[in-house]
Amino acid sequence: MRGTRHNIDRREYLSSSARLYAARGEELPQSKLTDADVAKIRRLHDRKQRLVAKLNKRCSVEALAQMFGVHRRTIEKALSQESWAHVRAA
């Protein structure tokens, strides 16, 4: 079926000369970010993800239990204030 104004077929769309170049990123007039902004955002997010992973590994319930020489359930109870409820985090 030959494409209509609102319904063009895939081959016609892909072969259209208009598809050779499409503005993107900061080339678009409505863009709020620059390419440099996006690169920085990605770097910061990646750094945060690495830090979170490192902290999660060091501060996991299992790691804390091993660090303090107690069972992991003891740590879970202390964290949920099921026990030691009178103590506030410093």
N, C-alpha and C. Protein backbone atom coordinates (compact mmCIF):
# COMPACT_ATOMS: atom_id res chain seq x y z
N MET A 1 0.85 -1.18 0.00
CA MET A 1 0.00 0.00 0.00
C MET A 1 0.88 1.23 0.00
N ARG A 2 0.63 2.09 -0.90
CA ARG A 2 1.38 3.34 -1.01
C ARG A 2 0.99 4.24 0.15
N GLY A 3 1.94 4.94 0.70
CA GLY A 3 1.67 5.77 1.87
C GLY A 3 0.78 6.96 1.55
N THR A 4 -0.02 7.33 2.50
CA THR A 4 -0.83 8.53 2.40
C THR A 4 -0.14 9.62 3.19
N ARG A 5 -0.77 10.75 3.30
CA ARG A 5 -0.18 11.88 4.02
C ARG A 5 0.19 11.50 5.45
N HIS A 6 -0.66 10.76 6.12
CA HIS A 6 -0.43 10.40 7.51
C HIS A 6 0.06 8.96 7.68
N ASN A 7 0.09 8.21 6.61
CA ASN A 7 0.43 6.80 6.72
C ASN A 7 1.38 6.42 5.58
N ILE A 8 2.68 6.59 5.81
CA ILE A 8 3.63 6.19 4.78
C ILE A 8 4.18 4.82 5.13
N ASP A 9 4.55 4.07 4.10
CA ASP A 9 5.08 2.75 4.42
C ASP A 9 6.55 2.85 4.82
N ARG A 10 7.05 1.80 5.44
CA ARG A 10 8.38 1.81 6.06
C ARG A 10 9.48 2.09 5.05
N ARG A 11 9.43 1.44 3.87
CA ARG A 11 10.47 1.66 2.86
C ARG A 11 10.51 3.11 2.42
N GLU A 12 9.35 3.69 2.22
CA GLU A 12 9.30 5.08 1.80
C GLU A 12 9.86 5.99 2.88
N TYR A 13 9.55 5.71 4.14
CA TYR A 13 10.06 6.51 5.26
C TYR A 13 11.58 6.41 5.33
N LEU A 14 12.10 5.20 5.24
CA LEU A 14 13.54 5.01 5.37
C LEU A 14 14.32 5.58 4.19
N SER A 15 13.71 5.62 3.02
CA SER A 15 14.41 6.12 1.84
C SER A 15 14.23 7.62 1.65
N SER A 16 13.42 8.24 2.45
CA SER A 16 13.15 9.67 2.31
C SER A 16 14.42 10.48 2.50
N SER A 17 14.61 11.46 1.65
CA SER A 17 15.81 12.31 1.76
C SER A 17 15.79 13.13 3.04
N ALA A 18 14.62 13.31 3.62
CA ALA A 18 14.51 14.07 4.87
C ALA A 18 15.15 13.31 6.03
N ARG A 19 15.34 12.00 5.91
CA ARG A 19 15.90 11.20 6.99
C ARG A 19 17.43 11.24 7.01
N LEU A 20 18.05 11.90 6.04
CA LEU A 20 19.51 11.94 6.00
C LEU A 20 20.08 12.69 7.20
N TYR A 21 19.37 13.68 7.68
CA TYR A 21 19.86 14.45 8.81
C TYR A 21 18.69 14.86 9.69
N ALA A 22 18.80 14.60 10.94
CA ALA A 22 17.77 15.04 11.89
C ALA A 22 18.49 15.74 13.04
N ALA A 23 18.05 16.94 13.35
CA ALA A 23 18.64 17.67 14.46
C ALA A 23 18.38 16.92 15.75
N ARG A 24 19.36 16.95 16.64
CA ARG A 24 19.18 16.31 17.93
C ARG A 24 20.04 17.01 18.96
N GLY A 25 19.73 16.74 20.22
CA GLY A 25 20.51 17.34 21.30
C GLY A 25 20.40 18.85 21.33
N GLU A 26 21.54 19.52 21.52
CA GLU A 26 21.51 20.98 21.65
C GLU A 26 21.23 21.69 20.34
N GLU A 27 21.18 20.95 19.22
CA GLU A 27 20.82 21.55 17.94
C GLU A 27 19.33 21.89 17.88
N LEU A 28 18.54 21.27 18.74
CA LEU A 28 17.11 21.55 18.77
C LEU A 28 16.85 22.85 19.53
N PRO A 29 15.98 23.70 19.02
CA PRO A 29 15.74 24.99 19.68
C PRO A 29 15.12 24.87 21.07
N GLN A 30 14.38 23.82 21.34
CA GLN A 30 13.74 23.66 22.64
C GLN A 30 14.64 23.00 23.68
N SER A 31 15.85 22.66 23.29
CA SER A 31 16.77 21.97 24.19
C SER A 31 17.15 22.84 25.38
N LYS A 32 17.10 22.25 26.58
CA LYS A 32 17.47 22.95 27.81
C LYS A 32 18.90 22.62 28.22
N LEU A 33 19.43 21.53 27.70
CA LEU A 33 20.76 21.06 28.07
C LEU A 33 21.71 21.16 26.88
N THR A 34 22.99 21.26 27.20
CA THR A 34 24.02 21.18 26.16
C THR A 34 24.60 19.78 26.17
N ASP A 35 25.38 19.46 25.14
CA ASP A 35 26.04 18.16 25.11
C ASP A 35 26.96 18.01 26.32
N ALA A 36 27.64 19.10 26.69
CA ALA A 36 28.54 19.08 27.85
C ALA A 36 27.76 18.82 29.14
N ASP A 37 26.56 19.43 29.25
CA ASP A 37 25.72 19.19 30.43
C ASP A 37 25.37 17.71 30.56
N VAL A 38 24.98 17.10 29.47
CA VAL A 38 24.59 15.69 29.49
C VAL A 38 25.78 14.80 29.84
N ALA A 39 26.95 15.13 29.28
CA ALA A 39 28.15 14.35 29.61
C ALA A 39 28.46 14.46 31.10
N LYS A 40 28.33 15.67 31.67
CA LYS A 40 28.59 15.87 33.09
C LYS A 40 27.56 15.12 33.94
N ILE A 41 26.29 15.19 33.56
CA ILE A 41 25.23 14.48 34.28
C ILE A 41 25.53 12.99 34.30
N ARG A 42 25.93 12.45 33.17
CA ARG A 42 26.23 11.02 33.10
C ARG A 42 27.43 10.65 33.96
N ARG A 43 28.47 11.51 33.93
CA ARG A 43 29.65 11.24 34.76
C ARG A 43 29.29 11.26 36.23
N LEU A 44 28.53 12.29 36.66
CA LEU A 44 28.15 12.40 38.06
C LEU A 44 27.28 11.22 38.49
N HIS A 45 26.35 10.83 37.64
CA HIS A 45 25.47 9.71 37.97
C HIS A 45 26.27 8.41 38.07
N ASP A 46 27.18 8.20 37.14
CA ASP A 46 28.03 6.99 37.19
C ASP A 46 28.86 6.98 38.46
N ARG A 47 29.41 8.14 38.83
CA ARG A 47 30.21 8.23 40.06
C ARG A 47 29.34 7.89 41.26
N LYS A 48 28.11 8.44 41.29
CA LYS A 48 27.19 8.16 42.39
C LYS A 48 26.88 6.67 42.45
N GLN A 49 26.63 6.06 41.30
CA GLN A 49 26.31 4.63 41.27
C GLN A 49 27.47 3.80 41.82
N ARG A 50 28.70 4.18 41.46
CA ARG A 50 29.86 3.44 41.97
C ARG A 50 29.99 3.62 43.48
N LEU A 51 29.76 4.86 43.97
CA LEU A 51 29.84 5.10 45.42
C LEU A 51 28.76 4.34 46.17
N VAL A 52 27.56 4.34 45.63
CA VAL A 52 26.45 3.62 46.27
C VAL A 52 26.77 2.13 46.33
N ALA A 53 27.29 1.59 45.24
CA ALA A 53 27.64 0.17 45.23
C ALA A 53 28.72 -0.13 46.27
N LYS A 54 29.70 0.76 46.35
CA LYS A 54 30.78 0.57 47.32
C LYS A 54 30.25 0.65 48.75
N LEU A 55 29.40 1.66 49.01
CA LEU A 55 28.81 1.80 50.34
C LEU A 55 27.90 0.63 50.68
N ASN A 56 27.11 0.21 49.72
CA ASN A 56 26.21 -0.94 49.95
C ASN A 56 27.01 -2.18 50.31
N LYS A 57 28.14 -2.34 49.67
CA LYS A 57 28.97 -3.51 49.95
C LYS A 57 29.57 -3.40 51.35
N ARG A 58 30.04 -2.19 51.72
CA ARG A 58 30.68 -2.00 53.03
C ARG A 58 29.67 -1.93 54.16
N CYS A 59 28.46 -1.45 53.87
CA CYS A 59 27.47 -1.22 54.92
C CYS A 59 26.28 -2.17 54.82
N SER A 60 26.45 -3.28 54.15
CA SER A 60 25.35 -4.24 54.08
C SER A 60 25.14 -4.84 55.46
N VAL A 61 23.98 -5.41 55.67
CA VAL A 61 23.67 -6.04 56.95
C VAL A 61 24.70 -7.12 57.26
N GLU A 62 25.04 -7.90 56.25
CA GLU A 62 26.02 -8.97 56.45
C GLU A 62 27.39 -8.40 56.83
N ALA A 63 27.81 -7.33 56.14
CA ALA A 63 29.12 -6.73 56.43
C ALA A 63 29.14 -6.14 57.84
N LEU A 64 28.05 -5.47 58.23
CA LEU A 64 27.98 -4.89 59.57
C LEU A 64 27.98 -5.98 60.64
N ALA A 65 27.26 -7.06 60.38
CA ALA A 65 27.22 -8.17 61.34
C ALA A 65 28.61 -8.76 61.52
N GLN A 66 29.31 -8.93 60.44
CA GLN A 66 30.67 -9.47 60.52
C GLN A 66 31.59 -8.48 61.23
N MET A 67 31.44 -7.19 60.93
CA MET A 67 32.27 -6.16 61.55
C MET A 67 32.10 -6.13 63.07
N PHE A 68 30.85 -6.30 63.54
CA PHE A 68 30.57 -6.23 64.97
C PHE A 68 30.52 -7.60 65.64
N GLY A 69 30.71 -8.65 64.88
CA GLY A 69 30.75 -10.00 65.44
C GLY A 69 29.43 -10.48 65.99
N VAL A 70 28.33 -10.11 65.31
CA VAL A 70 27.00 -10.54 65.74
C VAL A 70 26.28 -11.17 64.55
N HIS A 71 25.12 -11.75 64.84
CA HIS A 71 24.30 -12.34 63.79
C HIS A 71 23.65 -11.22 62.98
N ARG A 72 23.38 -11.49 61.70
CA ARG A 72 22.77 -10.46 60.85
C ARG A 72 21.40 -10.03 61.35
N ARG A 73 20.66 -10.93 62.00
CA ARG A 73 19.34 -10.59 62.54
C ARG A 73 19.46 -9.55 63.65
N THR A 74 20.55 -9.59 64.41
CA THR A 74 20.79 -8.59 65.45
C THR A 74 20.92 -7.21 64.83
N ILE A 75 21.64 -7.14 63.72
CA ILE A 75 21.80 -5.86 63.00
C ILE A 75 20.46 -5.41 62.44
N GLU A 76 19.70 -6.33 61.84
CA GLU A 76 18.39 -5.98 61.29
C GLU A 76 17.46 -5.42 62.36
N LYS A 77 17.46 -6.03 63.54
CA LYS A 77 16.61 -5.56 64.64
C LYS A 77 17.05 -4.18 65.12
N ALA A 78 18.35 -3.96 65.19
CA ALA A 78 18.85 -2.66 65.62
C ALA A 78 18.49 -1.58 64.59
N LEU A 79 18.59 -1.90 63.31
CA LEU A 79 18.28 -0.93 62.25
C LEU A 79 16.79 -0.60 62.20
N SER A 80 15.94 -1.58 62.43
CA SER A 80 14.49 -1.36 62.37
C SER A 80 13.93 -0.86 63.70
N GLN A 81 14.79 -0.68 64.68
CA GLN A 81 14.44 -0.26 66.04
C GLN A 81 13.54 -1.26 66.74
N GLU A 82 13.60 -2.50 66.29
CA GLU A 82 12.91 -3.57 66.99
C GLU A 82 13.61 -3.81 68.33
N SER A 83 14.89 -3.55 68.34
CA SER A 83 15.67 -3.53 69.58
C SER A 83 16.51 -2.25 69.55
N TRP A 84 16.98 -1.83 70.68
CA TRP A 84 17.78 -0.61 70.80
C TRP A 84 16.99 0.62 70.31
N ALA A 85 15.69 0.64 70.52
CA ALA A 85 14.83 1.73 70.04
C ALA A 85 15.15 3.06 70.72
N HIS A 86 15.73 3.01 71.89
CA HIS A 86 16.03 4.24 72.62
C HIS A 86 17.25 4.97 72.07
N VAL A 87 18.03 4.32 71.21
CA VAL A 87 19.25 4.93 70.67
C VAL A 87 18.92 5.62 69.35
N ARG A 88 19.34 6.86 69.21
CA ARG A 88 19.15 7.63 67.97
C ARG A 88 20.46 7.64 67.20
N ALA A 89 20.37 7.69 65.88
CA ALA A 89 21.58 7.74 65.05
C ALA A 89 22.33 9.03 65.33
N ALA A 90 23.62 8.93 65.40
CA ALA A 90 24.45 10.10 65.70
C ALA A 90 24.56 11.02 64.51
